[in-house]
Amino acid sequence: MKISLKISILLLLSFVIYSCITVEETIPFDYAAQYKLDSIAIDKYIADKNLKNIIITSSGLRYQKIDTIPKSQKPKYGDIISVHYTLTLLNDSVVETSRKSDAILYGKYDTTVLYLPLVTNYGINALVSGFTEGLTYMGKGDHFLFLIPSKLGYGNINSSPITANSVLIYDVSNVNIR
C-alpha cells in the first residue's frame, strides 16, 4: 500500500509539473523572405555609397574589386592566408578591425589589441561562408569589399554585437597566401 501511494503521488506531481510547462510554438524561419529583405537593403547601401562594378555571385554574395593585382596567386584549399579586414554593418558601425589605422579612424582603437592580419587555413577554418566565398575571388595583394547577406553571415542568430539577420560588410585586403 505504501508503494502504490508513493507512485500515485509521484504520478500526480509529474502531471501537475508537466501541465505547468508551456511549450512555445516555433514558427519556421523564412530564409527566402529574409534574403529578399537583405537584397533590398544591400542594393540601397550600394546606391547610397555610389558603389560601382558590383559583382553578384550565385549564392547572393556581392563584392567590389577595389584594387587587384593581375594574375595574382589565388588561394587553394588548405593554404594559409593572411588578410586585413574591417567589419561594418549597414548603418556604418564598425564591429571589428584588424587594421590599426581603421581602429584609429573609427574611434575603436584599443591599446590592448594587437592589430595583426587574420591568419587562417583557407576552406578549413570556420569563418562565415560569405567571407570564405569572397576570399575565393581574391588574389594575393588584392583589396575587395564584400557585401554579405545574412544567410551567408550569422543568419538568424544573434552573435553580439551583431544582431540576427544582419548584413555584413567586410573591407578585405589579402596580405599573403602560402
N, C-alpha and C. Protein backbone atom coordinates (compact mmCIF):
# COMPACT_ATOMS: atom_id res chain seq x y z
N MET A 1 0.82 -1.19 0.00
CA MET A 1 0.00 0.00 0.00
C MET A 1 0.86 1.25 0.00
N LYS A 2 1.92 1.23 0.77
CA LYS A 2 2.78 2.40 0.84
C LYS A 2 3.41 2.68 -0.52
N ILE A 3 3.80 1.66 -1.26
CA ILE A 3 4.45 1.84 -2.55
C ILE A 3 3.47 2.40 -3.57
N SER A 4 2.26 1.89 -3.61
CA SER A 4 1.29 2.39 -4.57
C SER A 4 0.88 3.83 -4.24
N LEU A 5 0.85 4.20 -2.98
CA LEU A 5 0.56 5.58 -2.60
C LEU A 5 1.68 6.49 -3.06
N LYS A 6 2.93 6.08 -2.89
CA LYS A 6 4.08 6.86 -3.33
C LYS A 6 4.05 7.02 -4.86
N ILE A 7 3.74 5.95 -5.56
CA ILE A 7 3.67 6.01 -7.02
C ILE A 7 2.56 6.94 -7.45
N SER A 8 1.42 6.87 -6.79
CA SER A 8 0.29 7.75 -7.12
C SER A 8 0.66 9.21 -6.90
N ILE A 9 1.33 9.48 -5.79
CA ILE A 9 1.74 10.86 -5.50
C ILE A 9 2.75 11.34 -6.55
N LEU A 10 3.69 10.47 -6.89
CA LEU A 10 4.68 10.82 -7.91
C LEU A 10 4.02 11.09 -9.26
N LEU A 11 3.08 10.26 -9.64
CA LEU A 11 2.38 10.46 -10.90
C LEU A 11 1.59 11.76 -10.87
N LEU A 12 0.92 12.04 -9.77
CA LEU A 12 0.16 13.27 -9.64
C LEU A 12 1.07 14.49 -9.72
N LEU A 13 2.20 14.44 -9.02
CA LEU A 13 3.16 15.55 -9.07
C LEU A 13 3.73 15.72 -10.48
N SER A 14 4.02 14.63 -11.15
CA SER A 14 4.54 14.70 -12.51
C SER A 14 3.53 15.36 -13.43
N PHE A 15 2.26 14.98 -13.29
CA PHE A 15 1.21 15.57 -14.11
C PHE A 15 1.08 17.06 -13.83
N VAL A 16 1.11 17.45 -12.57
CA VAL A 16 0.99 18.87 -12.20
C VAL A 16 2.16 19.66 -12.77
N ILE A 17 3.37 19.15 -12.61
CA ILE A 17 4.56 19.85 -13.11
C ILE A 17 4.51 19.93 -14.63
N TYR A 18 4.19 18.83 -15.31
CA TYR A 18 4.14 18.82 -16.76
C TYR A 18 3.08 19.78 -17.28
N SER A 19 1.95 19.85 -16.63
CA SER A 19 0.88 20.73 -17.10
C SER A 19 1.23 22.20 -16.92
N CYS A 20 2.19 22.50 -16.07
CA CYS A 20 2.62 23.89 -15.86
C CYS A 20 3.64 24.33 -16.91
N ILE A 21 4.24 23.39 -17.58
CA ILE A 21 5.25 23.73 -18.58
C ILE A 21 4.54 24.12 -19.86
N THR A 22 4.92 25.28 -20.40
CA THR A 22 4.34 25.70 -21.67
C THR A 22 5.34 25.44 -22.78
N VAL A 23 4.88 24.93 -23.84
CA VAL A 23 5.71 24.66 -25.00
C VAL A 23 5.49 25.79 -25.98
N GLU A 24 6.60 26.54 -26.26
CA GLU A 24 6.48 27.64 -27.20
C GLU A 24 6.29 27.10 -28.61
N GLU A 25 5.39 27.74 -29.31
CA GLU A 25 5.17 27.35 -30.69
C GLU A 25 6.30 27.93 -31.51
N THR A 26 6.98 27.10 -32.28
CA THR A 26 8.06 27.59 -33.11
C THR A 26 7.54 27.88 -34.51
N ILE A 27 7.87 29.05 -34.98
CA ILE A 27 7.46 29.46 -36.30
C ILE A 27 8.66 29.26 -37.22
N PRO A 28 8.50 28.52 -38.29
CA PRO A 28 9.63 28.28 -39.18
C PRO A 28 10.17 29.60 -39.74
N PHE A 29 11.48 29.72 -39.80
CA PHE A 29 12.11 30.93 -40.32
C PHE A 29 12.04 30.94 -41.83
N ASP A 30 11.65 32.06 -42.40
CA ASP A 30 11.51 32.19 -43.85
C ASP A 30 12.80 32.79 -44.43
N TYR A 31 13.73 31.91 -44.81
CA TYR A 31 15.03 32.34 -45.32
C TYR A 31 14.89 33.11 -46.63
N ALA A 32 13.98 32.70 -47.49
CA ALA A 32 13.79 33.38 -48.77
C ALA A 32 13.32 34.81 -48.57
N ALA A 33 12.38 35.00 -47.65
CA ALA A 33 11.88 36.35 -47.38
C ALA A 33 13.00 37.22 -46.78
N GLN A 34 13.80 36.64 -45.89
CA GLN A 34 14.91 37.39 -45.30
C GLN A 34 15.94 37.76 -46.36
N TYR A 35 16.20 36.85 -47.28
CA TYR A 35 17.16 37.14 -48.35
C TYR A 35 16.66 38.30 -49.21
N LYS A 36 15.36 38.35 -49.47
CA LYS A 36 14.80 39.47 -50.25
C LYS A 36 15.00 40.79 -49.50
N LEU A 37 14.75 40.77 -48.19
CA LEU A 37 14.97 41.98 -47.38
C LEU A 37 16.44 42.39 -47.39
N ASP A 38 17.32 41.41 -47.25
CA ASP A 38 18.76 41.69 -47.29
C ASP A 38 19.15 42.30 -48.63
N SER A 39 18.64 41.74 -49.71
CA SER A 39 18.99 42.22 -51.05
C SER A 39 18.55 43.67 -51.25
N ILE A 40 17.36 43.99 -50.78
CA ILE A 40 16.87 45.37 -50.87
C ILE A 40 17.78 46.31 -50.08
N ALA A 41 18.14 45.90 -48.88
CA ALA A 41 19.00 46.73 -48.02
C ALA A 41 20.40 46.88 -48.63
N ILE A 42 20.94 45.81 -49.19
CA ILE A 42 22.27 45.87 -49.82
C ILE A 42 22.22 46.77 -51.05
N ASP A 43 21.18 46.63 -51.86
CA ASP A 43 21.05 47.48 -53.06
C ASP A 43 20.96 48.96 -52.68
N LYS A 44 20.24 49.26 -51.60
CA LYS A 44 20.15 50.65 -51.12
C LYS A 44 21.51 51.14 -50.65
N TYR A 45 22.24 50.31 -49.94
CA TYR A 45 23.58 50.67 -49.46
C TYR A 45 24.49 50.96 -50.66
N ILE A 46 24.44 50.11 -51.67
CA ILE A 46 25.26 50.29 -52.87
C ILE A 46 24.92 51.62 -53.54
N ALA A 47 23.64 51.92 -53.67
CA ALA A 47 23.21 53.18 -54.29
C ALA A 47 23.61 54.38 -53.43
N ASP A 48 23.39 54.30 -52.11
CA ASP A 48 23.72 55.41 -51.21
C ASP A 48 25.22 55.71 -51.21
N LYS A 49 26.04 54.67 -51.31
CA LYS A 49 27.50 54.83 -51.28
C LYS A 49 28.08 55.02 -52.68
N ASN A 50 27.20 54.98 -53.69
CA ASN A 50 27.61 55.14 -55.09
C ASN A 50 28.70 54.14 -55.47
N LEU A 51 28.52 52.89 -55.03
CA LEU A 51 29.48 51.84 -55.34
C LEU A 51 29.26 51.38 -56.78
N LYS A 52 30.35 51.13 -57.48
CA LYS A 52 30.28 50.74 -58.90
C LYS A 52 30.90 49.36 -59.09
N ASN A 53 30.54 48.75 -60.21
CA ASN A 53 31.12 47.46 -60.64
C ASN A 53 30.97 46.37 -59.57
N ILE A 54 29.78 46.26 -59.04
CA ILE A 54 29.48 45.22 -58.04
C ILE A 54 29.20 43.91 -58.76
N ILE A 55 29.83 42.87 -58.30
CA ILE A 55 29.64 41.53 -58.86
C ILE A 55 28.76 40.75 -57.89
N ILE A 56 27.75 40.05 -58.44
CA ILE A 56 26.85 39.24 -57.62
C ILE A 56 27.07 37.77 -57.98
N THR A 57 27.35 36.96 -56.96
CA THR A 57 27.57 35.53 -57.19
C THR A 57 26.23 34.78 -57.11
N SER A 58 26.25 33.53 -57.49
CA SER A 58 25.02 32.73 -57.45
C SER A 58 24.51 32.53 -56.02
N SER A 59 25.38 32.63 -55.02
CA SER A 59 24.96 32.47 -53.63
C SER A 59 24.29 33.72 -53.07
N GLY A 60 24.52 34.85 -53.75
CA GLY A 60 23.98 36.12 -53.26
C GLY A 60 25.03 37.06 -52.70
N LEU A 61 26.27 36.59 -52.59
CA LEU A 61 27.36 37.46 -52.17
C LEU A 61 27.55 38.54 -53.22
N ARG A 62 27.74 39.77 -52.76
CA ARG A 62 28.10 40.85 -53.66
C ARG A 62 29.50 41.31 -53.27
N TYR A 63 30.31 41.60 -54.27
CA TYR A 63 31.64 42.11 -53.95
C TYR A 63 32.09 43.12 -54.99
N GLN A 64 33.00 43.98 -54.53
CA GLN A 64 33.58 45.00 -55.38
C GLN A 64 35.10 44.84 -55.33
N LYS A 65 35.71 44.84 -56.50
CA LYS A 65 37.17 44.80 -56.57
C LYS A 65 37.67 46.24 -56.44
N ILE A 66 38.26 46.56 -55.32
CA ILE A 66 38.77 47.92 -55.10
C ILE A 66 40.14 48.07 -55.74
N ASP A 67 40.99 47.08 -55.55
CA ASP A 67 42.33 47.09 -56.12
C ASP A 67 42.74 45.64 -56.37
N THR A 68 43.21 45.36 -57.57
CA THR A 68 43.61 43.99 -57.89
C THR A 68 44.99 43.99 -58.53
N ILE A 69 45.67 42.88 -58.36
CA ILE A 69 46.96 42.65 -59.00
C ILE A 69 46.73 41.57 -60.05
N PRO A 70 46.94 41.91 -61.32
CA PRO A 70 46.69 40.93 -62.40
C PRO A 70 47.48 39.64 -62.18
N LYS A 71 46.81 38.54 -62.45
CA LYS A 71 47.41 37.19 -62.36
C LYS A 71 48.00 36.89 -60.99
N SER A 72 47.43 37.49 -59.95
CA SER A 72 47.94 37.21 -58.60
C SER A 72 47.50 35.82 -58.15
N GLN A 73 48.28 35.26 -57.25
CA GLN A 73 48.02 33.92 -56.73
C GLN A 73 46.68 33.88 -56.00
N LYS A 74 45.83 32.91 -56.34
CA LYS A 74 44.54 32.72 -55.67
C LYS A 74 44.70 31.62 -54.62
N PRO A 75 43.90 31.68 -53.55
CA PRO A 75 44.04 30.65 -52.52
C PRO A 75 43.49 29.30 -52.98
N LYS A 76 44.11 28.23 -52.49
CA LYS A 76 43.64 26.87 -52.71
C LYS A 76 43.30 26.28 -51.36
N TYR A 77 42.46 25.28 -51.35
CA TYR A 77 42.03 24.64 -50.12
C TYR A 77 43.24 24.27 -49.26
N GLY A 78 43.22 24.72 -48.02
CA GLY A 78 44.28 24.40 -47.07
C GLY A 78 45.41 25.41 -47.02
N ASP A 79 45.48 26.33 -48.00
CA ASP A 79 46.52 27.37 -47.96
C ASP A 79 46.39 28.19 -46.69
N ILE A 80 47.50 28.69 -46.20
CA ILE A 80 47.50 29.63 -45.08
C ILE A 80 47.39 31.02 -45.70
N ILE A 81 46.33 31.72 -45.35
CA ILE A 81 46.16 33.08 -45.89
C ILE A 81 46.14 34.08 -44.75
N SER A 82 46.62 35.26 -45.05
CA SER A 82 46.62 36.37 -44.09
C SER A 82 45.86 37.52 -44.72
N VAL A 83 44.86 38.02 -44.01
CA VAL A 83 44.07 39.13 -44.54
C VAL A 83 43.87 40.18 -43.45
N HIS A 84 43.89 41.43 -43.88
CA HIS A 84 43.44 42.52 -43.02
C HIS A 84 41.99 42.77 -43.38
N TYR A 85 41.18 43.12 -42.39
CA TYR A 85 39.77 43.37 -42.66
C TYR A 85 39.21 44.40 -41.68
N THR A 86 38.13 45.01 -42.12
CA THR A 86 37.30 45.83 -41.24
C THR A 86 35.87 45.39 -41.48
N LEU A 87 35.19 45.03 -40.41
CA LEU A 87 33.80 44.57 -40.48
C LEU A 87 32.89 45.70 -40.02
N THR A 88 31.95 46.08 -40.89
CA THR A 88 30.94 47.07 -40.52
C THR A 88 29.56 46.51 -40.82
N LEU A 89 28.56 47.22 -40.35
CA LEU A 89 27.16 46.87 -40.64
C LEU A 89 26.59 47.92 -41.58
N LEU A 90 25.38 47.73 -42.02
CA LEU A 90 24.76 48.66 -42.97
C LEU A 90 24.65 50.08 -42.43
N ASN A 91 24.59 50.23 -41.11
CA ASN A 91 24.49 51.56 -40.52
C ASN A 91 25.87 52.21 -40.34
N ASP A 92 26.90 51.62 -40.95
CA ASP A 92 28.29 52.09 -40.92
C ASP A 92 28.97 51.93 -39.57
N SER A 93 28.34 51.23 -38.62
CA SER A 93 29.00 50.99 -37.34
C SER A 93 30.09 49.93 -37.54
N VAL A 94 31.25 50.22 -36.99
CA VAL A 94 32.38 49.30 -37.10
C VAL A 94 32.28 48.27 -35.99
N VAL A 95 32.28 47.01 -36.35
CA VAL A 95 32.19 45.92 -35.39
C VAL A 95 33.58 45.55 -34.91
N GLU A 96 34.50 45.34 -35.86
CA GLU A 96 35.88 45.00 -35.51
C GLU A 96 36.77 45.24 -36.71
N THR A 97 38.06 45.35 -36.41
CA THR A 97 39.04 45.54 -37.47
C THR A 97 40.37 44.95 -37.07
N SER A 98 41.13 44.53 -38.08
CA SER A 98 42.49 44.07 -37.83
C SER A 98 43.49 45.16 -38.20
N ARG A 99 42.97 46.29 -38.68
CA ARG A 99 43.83 47.40 -39.11
C ARG A 99 43.88 48.49 -38.03
N LYS A 100 45.07 48.79 -37.57
CA LYS A 100 45.25 49.85 -36.57
C LYS A 100 44.76 51.19 -37.11
N SER A 101 45.04 51.47 -38.38
CA SER A 101 44.63 52.74 -38.98
C SER A 101 43.11 52.90 -38.98
N ASP A 102 42.37 51.82 -39.27
CA ASP A 102 40.90 51.88 -39.24
C ASP A 102 40.39 52.01 -37.81
N ALA A 103 41.03 51.34 -36.88
CA ALA A 103 40.62 51.44 -35.47
C ALA A 103 40.75 52.89 -35.00
N ILE A 104 41.82 53.54 -35.37
CA ILE A 104 42.01 54.95 -35.00
C ILE A 104 40.98 55.81 -35.73
N LEU A 105 40.84 55.60 -37.04
CA LEU A 105 39.91 56.39 -37.86
C LEU A 105 38.48 56.34 -37.33
N TYR A 106 38.03 55.16 -36.92
CA TYR A 106 36.65 54.97 -36.48
C TYR A 106 36.47 55.06 -34.97
N GLY A 107 37.49 55.50 -34.27
CA GLY A 107 37.38 55.68 -32.81
C GLY A 107 37.27 54.37 -32.05
N LYS A 108 37.85 53.31 -32.58
CA LYS A 108 37.78 51.99 -31.94
C LYS A 108 39.14 51.53 -31.43
N TYR A 109 40.12 52.40 -31.47
CA TYR A 109 41.48 51.99 -31.10
C TYR A 109 41.54 51.57 -29.64
N ASP A 110 42.21 50.45 -29.42
CA ASP A 110 42.37 49.87 -28.09
C ASP A 110 43.84 49.50 -27.93
N THR A 111 44.50 50.08 -26.96
CA THR A 111 45.94 49.84 -26.78
C THR A 111 46.25 48.40 -26.40
N THR A 112 45.25 47.66 -25.95
CA THR A 112 45.49 46.26 -25.55
C THR A 112 45.34 45.28 -26.71
N VAL A 113 44.93 45.79 -27.87
CA VAL A 113 44.70 44.92 -29.03
C VAL A 113 45.92 44.97 -29.94
N LEU A 114 46.36 43.81 -30.40
CA LEU A 114 47.39 43.74 -31.43
C LEU A 114 46.68 43.75 -32.77
N TYR A 115 46.93 44.75 -33.56
CA TYR A 115 46.27 44.85 -34.86
C TYR A 115 47.11 44.11 -35.90
N LEU A 116 46.79 42.85 -36.05
CA LEU A 116 47.52 41.96 -36.95
C LEU A 116 46.54 41.34 -37.95
N PRO A 117 47.05 40.91 -39.11
CA PRO A 117 46.16 40.25 -40.07
C PRO A 117 45.57 38.97 -39.47
N LEU A 118 44.37 38.65 -39.93
CA LEU A 118 43.75 37.36 -39.60
C LEU A 118 44.47 36.29 -40.40
N VAL A 119 44.95 35.27 -39.72
CA VAL A 119 45.64 34.16 -40.39
C VAL A 119 44.73 32.94 -40.26
N THR A 120 44.44 32.31 -41.39
CA THR A 120 43.51 31.18 -41.38
C THR A 120 43.88 30.18 -42.47
N ASN A 121 43.45 28.95 -42.29
CA ASN A 121 43.58 27.92 -43.33
C ASN A 121 42.38 28.07 -44.25
N TYR A 122 42.63 28.44 -45.48
CA TYR A 122 41.55 28.67 -46.43
C TYR A 122 40.70 27.41 -46.61
N GLY A 123 39.40 27.57 -46.39
CA GLY A 123 38.45 26.47 -46.60
C GLY A 123 38.35 25.50 -45.44
N ILE A 124 39.21 25.63 -44.45
CA ILE A 124 39.20 24.69 -43.33
C ILE A 124 38.66 25.36 -42.07
N ASN A 125 39.14 26.55 -41.75
CA ASN A 125 38.70 27.23 -40.52
C ASN A 125 37.27 27.72 -40.66
N ALA A 126 36.61 27.83 -39.53
CA ALA A 126 35.20 28.22 -39.50
C ALA A 126 35.07 29.74 -39.57
N LEU A 127 34.92 30.25 -40.77
CA LEU A 127 34.61 31.66 -41.00
C LEU A 127 33.21 31.70 -41.58
N VAL A 128 32.55 32.85 -41.51
CA VAL A 128 31.22 32.90 -42.12
C VAL A 128 31.37 32.57 -43.61
N SER A 129 30.41 31.86 -44.15
CA SER A 129 30.55 31.32 -45.51
C SER A 129 30.72 32.41 -46.56
N GLY A 130 30.08 33.55 -46.38
CA GLY A 130 30.24 34.64 -47.34
C GLY A 130 31.65 35.19 -47.38
N PHE A 131 32.31 35.22 -46.23
CA PHE A 131 33.70 35.67 -46.15
C PHE A 131 34.61 34.68 -46.87
N THR A 132 34.42 33.40 -46.59
CA THR A 132 35.22 32.36 -47.25
C THR A 132 35.01 32.40 -48.76
N GLU A 133 33.76 32.54 -49.19
CA GLU A 133 33.49 32.61 -50.63
C GLU A 133 34.18 33.82 -51.25
N GLY A 134 34.11 34.96 -50.59
CA GLY A 134 34.75 36.16 -51.11
C GLY A 134 36.24 35.99 -51.28
N LEU A 135 36.88 35.29 -50.35
CA LEU A 135 38.32 35.05 -50.45
C LEU A 135 38.67 34.24 -51.69
N THR A 136 37.73 33.43 -52.16
CA THR A 136 37.94 32.62 -53.37
C THR A 136 38.29 33.48 -54.57
N TYR A 137 37.72 34.66 -54.65
CA TYR A 137 37.89 35.53 -55.81
C TYR A 137 39.10 36.46 -55.69
N MET A 138 39.71 36.49 -54.51
CA MET A 138 40.82 37.41 -54.24
C MET A 138 42.16 36.74 -54.47
N GLY A 139 43.08 37.50 -55.04
CA GLY A 139 44.45 37.04 -55.15
C GLY A 139 45.32 37.75 -54.12
N LYS A 140 46.53 37.29 -54.00
CA LYS A 140 47.50 37.90 -53.09
C LYS A 140 47.68 39.37 -53.47
N GLY A 141 47.51 40.25 -52.49
CA GLY A 141 47.66 41.69 -52.71
C GLY A 141 46.38 42.40 -53.12
N ASP A 142 45.29 41.67 -53.38
CA ASP A 142 44.03 42.28 -53.79
C ASP A 142 43.31 42.93 -52.60
N HIS A 143 42.45 43.88 -52.92
CA HIS A 143 41.64 44.60 -51.92
C HIS A 143 40.20 44.61 -52.42
N PHE A 144 39.29 44.01 -51.66
CA PHE A 144 37.88 43.86 -52.06
C PHE A 144 36.96 44.37 -50.96
N LEU A 145 35.73 44.62 -51.35
CA LEU A 145 34.64 44.89 -50.42
C LEU A 145 33.62 43.78 -50.58
N PHE A 146 33.29 43.08 -49.49
CA PHE A 146 32.27 42.03 -49.51
C PHE A 146 30.99 42.56 -48.89
N LEU A 147 29.86 42.36 -49.55
CA LEU A 147 28.54 42.69 -49.02
C LEU A 147 27.83 41.35 -48.84
N ILE A 148 27.72 40.92 -47.60
CA ILE A 148 27.30 39.55 -47.29
C ILE A 148 25.88 39.52 -46.72
N PRO A 149 24.93 38.91 -47.45
CA PRO A 149 23.58 38.78 -46.90
C PRO A 149 23.62 37.88 -45.65
N SER A 150 22.64 38.05 -44.80
CA SER A 150 22.64 37.35 -43.51
C SER A 150 22.74 35.83 -43.65
N LYS A 151 22.16 35.27 -44.71
CA LYS A 151 22.21 33.81 -44.87
C LYS A 151 23.65 33.30 -45.06
N LEU A 152 24.55 34.18 -45.50
CA LEU A 152 25.96 33.82 -45.68
C LEU A 152 26.82 34.36 -44.54
N GLY A 153 26.14 34.98 -43.56
CA GLY A 153 26.83 35.51 -42.39
C GLY A 153 26.46 34.70 -41.16
N TYR A 154 25.82 35.38 -40.21
CA TYR A 154 25.42 34.70 -38.96
C TYR A 154 23.96 34.26 -38.99
N GLY A 155 23.27 34.49 -40.12
CA GLY A 155 21.89 34.04 -40.25
C GLY A 155 20.97 34.69 -39.24
N ASN A 156 20.04 33.90 -38.73
CA ASN A 156 19.06 34.44 -37.79
C ASN A 156 19.49 34.22 -36.34
N ILE A 157 20.79 34.23 -36.13
CA ILE A 157 21.35 34.03 -34.78
C ILE A 157 22.03 35.31 -34.32
N ASN A 158 21.78 35.71 -33.09
CA ASN A 158 22.49 36.85 -32.51
C ASN A 158 23.90 36.42 -32.17
N SER A 159 24.86 37.23 -32.57
CA SER A 159 26.27 36.98 -32.24
C SER A 159 26.84 38.33 -31.83
N SER A 160 26.57 38.71 -30.60
CA SER A 160 26.85 40.04 -30.09
C SER A 160 28.23 40.54 -30.52
N PRO A 161 28.33 41.73 -31.03
CA PRO A 161 27.32 42.78 -31.13
C PRO A 161 26.50 42.73 -32.43
N ILE A 162 26.61 41.66 -33.17
CA ILE A 162 25.88 41.53 -34.44
C ILE A 162 24.53 40.90 -34.15
N THR A 163 23.48 41.60 -34.55
CA THR A 163 22.13 41.07 -34.31
C THR A 163 21.73 40.09 -35.40
N ALA A 164 20.75 39.29 -35.11
CA ALA A 164 20.24 38.31 -36.08
C ALA A 164 19.86 39.01 -37.37
N ASN A 165 20.07 38.34 -38.48
CA ASN A 165 19.70 38.81 -39.82
C ASN A 165 20.44 40.07 -40.25
N SER A 166 21.65 40.26 -39.75
CA SER A 166 22.44 41.42 -40.14
C SER A 166 23.22 41.15 -41.42
N VAL A 167 23.21 42.15 -42.29
CA VAL A 167 24.08 42.14 -43.46
C VAL A 167 25.47 42.55 -42.97
N LEU A 168 26.49 41.84 -43.44
CA LEU A 168 27.87 42.13 -43.03
C LEU A 168 28.62 42.77 -44.20
N ILE A 169 29.43 43.77 -43.88
CA ILE A 169 30.24 44.43 -44.90
C ILE A 169 31.69 44.32 -44.47
N TYR A 170 32.46 43.61 -45.25
CA TYR A 170 33.88 43.42 -44.96
C TYR A 170 34.71 44.16 -46.00
N ASP A 171 35.61 45.00 -45.54
CA ASP A 171 36.64 45.60 -46.38
C ASP A 171 37.87 44.73 -46.15
N VAL A 172 38.32 44.01 -47.18
CA VAL A 172 39.34 42.96 -47.00
C VAL A 172 40.54 43.20 -47.93
N SER A 173 41.73 43.09 -47.36
CA SER A 173 42.97 43.12 -48.13
C SER A 173 43.69 41.79 -47.93
N ASN A 174 43.99 41.11 -49.03
CA ASN A 174 44.68 39.82 -48.97
C ASN A 174 46.17 40.11 -48.88
N VAL A 175 46.74 39.87 -47.72
CA VAL A 175 48.13 40.20 -47.46
C VAL A 175 49.08 39.14 -47.98
N ASN A 176 48.72 37.87 -47.74
CA ASN A 176 49.65 36.80 -48.10
C ASN A 176 48.92 35.48 -48.29
N ILE A 177 49.46 34.63 -49.14
CA ILE A 177 49.00 33.25 -49.33
C ILE A 177 50.24 32.38 -49.35
N ARG A 178 50.22 31.33 -48.52
CA ARG A 178 51.36 30.40 -48.56
C ARG A 178 50.88 28.98 -48.37
